[in-house]
Amino acid sequence: MSKFKVPTREEVSTKNQGIFDNLEKAVGFVPNLYATYAHSENALENYLNLSGAKTSLSNKEKEVVNLAVSQVNNCTYCLAAHTAMGKMNGFSDGEILELRTGKASFNAKLNALAALAKNITENRGATNTIVIDDFFNAGWTKEQLIDTVVLVGDKTISNYIHKTTDVPVDFPAAQPLEAVEV
């Protein structure tokens, strides 16, 4: 049972109603987690600005980070949402499950990115030097390192919002890692 009621359009501020309208047009619905941000006058706009900001990472690369971070933080909402988004960005079910473990045996460069995202999250930013060296040796840049850290923070915010509020997941559930061999 959810700790928080997901607010409807009528229950949020005029500013957030406009954001709901834009989400409805862009996504087809207002995801429950985004609606939950609207309990605050500013959090939804601030979060969408952060998550939609320019970055040196492609959308596909961002999903690598989102999946690894959400798995470490055990966020059922974000795992479900980013499994769907991972598929939209061309990852197979098996690749998505592997990315969640912080690995990508199918692509050396993405493997280094997934390992970095997992290590940053597990160690709360005290990233292992070997993992960072592997990241650079795979061809990533310092700009991409910094953008990855920002994205880990972005995803951690959503993971924490869901873990705190426990609003219903409105995406197809992500397959539990325990149910498969990766």
Protein backbone atom coordinates (compact mmCIF):
# COMPACT_ATOMS: atom_id res chain seq x y z
CA MET A 1 0.00 0.00 0.00
CA SER A 2 1.34 3.37 -1.03
CA LYS A 3 2.46 5.77 1.68
CA PHE A 4 1.35 8.71 -0.47
CA LYS A 5 -1.67 9.39 -2.65
CA VAL A 6 -0.72 10.22 -6.22
CA PRO A 7 -2.12 13.70 -6.84
CA THR A 8 -4.46 14.26 -9.74
CA ARG A 9 -4.20 17.23 -12.09
CA GLU A 10 -6.91 19.03 -10.13
CA GLU A 11 -4.97 18.61 -6.86
CA VAL A 12 -1.74 20.29 -7.97
CA SER A 13 -0.77 23.92 -8.54
CA THR A 14 -1.56 25.73 -11.77
CA LYS A 15 2.13 25.57 -12.72
CA ASN A 16 2.20 21.80 -12.18
CA GLN A 17 -1.08 21.41 -14.09
CA GLY A 18 0.68 22.89 -17.12
CA ILE A 19 3.54 20.41 -16.68
CA PHE A 20 1.00 17.56 -16.39
CA ASP A 21 -0.56 18.73 -19.67
CA ASN A 22 2.85 18.73 -21.38
CA LEU A 23 3.65 15.25 -20.03
CA GLU A 24 0.28 13.98 -21.22
CA LYS A 25 1.05 15.27 -24.73
CA ALA A 26 4.65 13.97 -24.78
CA VAL A 27 4.29 10.63 -22.99
CA GLY A 28 0.57 9.89 -23.27
CA PHE A 29 0.08 9.94 -19.48
CA VAL A 30 1.53 11.45 -16.33
CA PRO A 31 3.68 8.78 -14.68
CA ASN A 32 2.81 8.35 -11.00
CA LEU A 33 6.34 9.18 -9.90
CA TYR A 34 6.29 12.48 -11.79
CA ALA A 35 2.86 13.28 -10.35
CA THR A 36 4.28 12.65 -6.88
CA TYR A 37 6.95 15.30 -7.44
CA ALA A 38 4.02 17.74 -7.89
CA HIS A 39 3.30 17.64 -4.15
CA SER A 40 5.97 20.35 -4.27
CA GLU A 41 5.43 23.58 -6.15
CA ASN A 42 8.91 23.38 -7.70
CA ALA A 43 10.26 19.82 -7.52
CA LEU A 44 8.61 18.48 -10.69
CA GLU A 45 9.86 21.34 -12.86
CA ASN A 46 13.31 21.21 -11.26
CA TYR A 47 13.59 17.46 -11.71
CA LEU A 48 12.41 17.51 -15.33
CA ASN A 49 14.92 20.29 -16.07
CA LEU A 50 17.71 18.20 -14.52
CA SER A 51 16.75 14.96 -16.24
CA GLY A 52 16.22 16.70 -19.58
CA ALA A 53 19.39 18.82 -19.44
CA LYS A 54 22.03 18.60 -22.16
CA THR A 55 24.61 15.87 -21.58
CA SER A 56 27.46 14.21 -23.41
CA LEU A 57 25.70 10.84 -22.98
CA SER A 58 23.28 9.53 -25.59
CA ASN A 59 19.79 8.41 -24.56
CA LYS A 60 20.92 4.79 -24.87
CA GLU A 61 23.96 5.46 -22.66
CA LYS A 62 21.75 7.23 -20.13
CA GLU A 63 19.61 4.09 -19.89
CA VAL A 64 22.74 2.05 -19.06
CA VAL A 65 23.30 4.33 -16.06
CA ASN A 66 19.62 4.47 -15.08
CA LEU A 67 19.32 0.68 -15.02
CA ALA A 68 22.50 0.08 -13.02
CA VAL A 69 21.71 2.78 -10.45
CA SER A 70 18.08 1.74 -10.04
CA GLN A 71 19.15 -1.86 -9.44
CA VAL A 72 21.69 -0.91 -6.76
CA ASN A 73 19.04 1.25 -5.08
CA ASN A 74 16.43 -1.50 -5.57
CA CYS A 75 13.80 0.90 -6.92
CA THR A 76 10.97 -1.14 -8.40
CA TYR A 77 9.40 1.91 -10.04
CA CYS A 78 12.55 3.06 -11.83
CA LEU A 79 13.51 -0.48 -12.81
CA ALA A 80 10.10 -0.89 -14.45
CA ALA A 81 10.23 2.51 -16.17
CA HIS A 82 13.81 2.13 -17.40
CA THR A 83 13.26 -1.43 -18.57
CA ALA A 84 10.58 0.02 -20.86
CA MET A 85 12.83 2.91 -21.88
CA GLY A 86 15.77 0.55 -22.40
CA LYS A 87 13.67 -1.44 -24.85
CA MET A 88 12.68 1.79 -26.62
CA ASN A 89 16.41 2.54 -26.96
CA GLY A 90 17.17 -0.81 -28.60
CA PHE A 91 18.27 -3.04 -25.72
CA SER A 92 17.01 -6.63 -25.60
CA ASP A 93 15.49 -8.15 -22.45
CA GLY A 94 18.71 -10.04 -21.78
CA GLU A 95 20.86 -6.94 -22.26
CA ILE A 96 18.65 -4.96 -19.87
CA LEU A 97 18.97 -7.63 -17.20
CA GLU A 98 22.75 -7.66 -17.63
CA LEU A 99 22.95 -3.85 -17.50
CA ARG A 100 21.12 -3.94 -14.19
CA THR A 101 24.02 -5.98 -12.77
CA GLY A 102 26.50 -3.29 -13.84
CA LYS A 103 27.81 -5.26 -16.81
CA ALA A 104 27.47 -5.26 -20.59
CA SER A 105 29.37 -8.24 -22.03
CA PHE A 106 27.87 -7.35 -25.43
CA ASN A 107 29.71 -3.97 -25.63
CA ALA A 108 33.05 -3.14 -23.98
CA LYS A 109 32.40 0.60 -23.83
CA LEU A 110 28.94 0.20 -22.28
CA ASN A 111 30.41 -2.38 -19.90
CA ALA A 112 32.77 0.27 -18.50
CA LEU A 113 29.89 2.75 -18.21
CA ALA A 114 27.63 0.26 -16.41
CA ALA A 115 30.45 -0.72 -14.03
CA LEU A 116 31.14 2.94 -13.27
CA ALA A 117 27.48 3.76 -12.57
CA LYS A 118 27.16 0.74 -10.29
CA ASN A 119 30.40 1.50 -8.43
CA ILE A 120 29.56 5.19 -7.92
CA THR A 121 26.17 4.23 -6.50
CA GLU A 122 27.38 1.40 -4.29
CA ASN A 123 30.21 3.51 -2.89
CA ARG A 124 28.27 6.78 -2.64
CA GLY A 125 30.73 8.51 -4.93
CA ALA A 126 33.95 7.04 -3.49
CA THR A 127 34.52 5.37 -6.85
CA ASN A 128 37.17 2.69 -7.21
CA THR A 129 40.21 3.98 -9.13
CA ILE A 130 40.41 0.80 -11.21
CA VAL A 131 36.80 1.29 -12.34
CA ILE A 132 37.58 4.89 -13.34
CA ASP A 133 40.72 3.78 -15.20
CA ASP A 134 38.72 1.10 -17.03
CA PHE A 135 36.15 3.78 -17.96
CA PHE A 136 38.82 6.01 -19.51
CA ASN A 137 40.59 3.06 -21.16
CA ALA A 138 37.29 2.14 -22.85
CA GLY A 139 37.32 5.52 -24.60
CA TRP A 140 35.19 7.70 -22.34
CA THR A 141 36.16 11.30 -21.53
CA LYS A 142 36.35 13.40 -18.36
CA GLU A 143 33.22 15.24 -19.55
CA GLN A 144 31.39 11.92 -19.78
CA LEU A 145 32.63 10.95 -16.31
CA ILE A 146 31.18 14.14 -14.82
CA ASP A 147 27.93 13.74 -16.79
CA THR A 148 27.67 10.16 -15.52
CA VAL A 149 28.04 11.30 -11.91
CA VAL A 150 25.30 13.92 -12.49
CA LEU A 151 23.06 11.24 -14.01
CA VAL A 152 23.68 8.93 -11.03
CA GLY A 153 22.49 11.79 -8.82
CA ASP A 154 19.47 12.43 -11.03
CA LYS A 155 18.42 8.77 -10.91
CA THR A 156 19.12 8.48 -7.19
CA ILE A 157 16.67 11.33 -6.57
CA SER A 158 13.88 9.43 -8.34
CA ASN A 159 14.88 6.17 -6.62
CA TYR A 160 14.65 7.88 -3.24
CA ILE A 161 11.36 9.62 -4.03
CA HIS A 162 9.81 6.26 -4.90
CA LYS A 163 11.36 4.40 -1.99
CA THR A 164 10.03 7.12 0.36
CA THR A 165 6.52 7.44 -1.09
CA ASP A 166 5.95 3.91 -2.47
CA VAL A 167 3.50 5.19 -5.09
CA PRO A 168 2.07 2.51 -7.40
CA VAL A 169 4.23 1.47 -10.35
CA ASP A 170 2.41 2.29 -13.59
CA PHE A 171 4.84 0.55 -15.98
CA PRO A 172 5.06 -3.20 -16.61
CA ALA A 173 7.03 -4.74 -13.74
CA ALA A 174 10.71 -5.43 -14.34
CA GLN A 175 11.74 -9.06 -14.17
CA PRO A 176 13.47 -9.89 -10.88
CA LEU A 177 17.18 -10.58 -11.36
CA GLU A 178 16.90 -13.63 -9.10
CA ALA A 179 14.60 -15.25 -11.66
CA VAL A 180 17.26 -15.31 -14.36
CA GLU A 181 20.90 -16.19 -14.81
CA VAL A 182 22.86 -13.24 -16.12
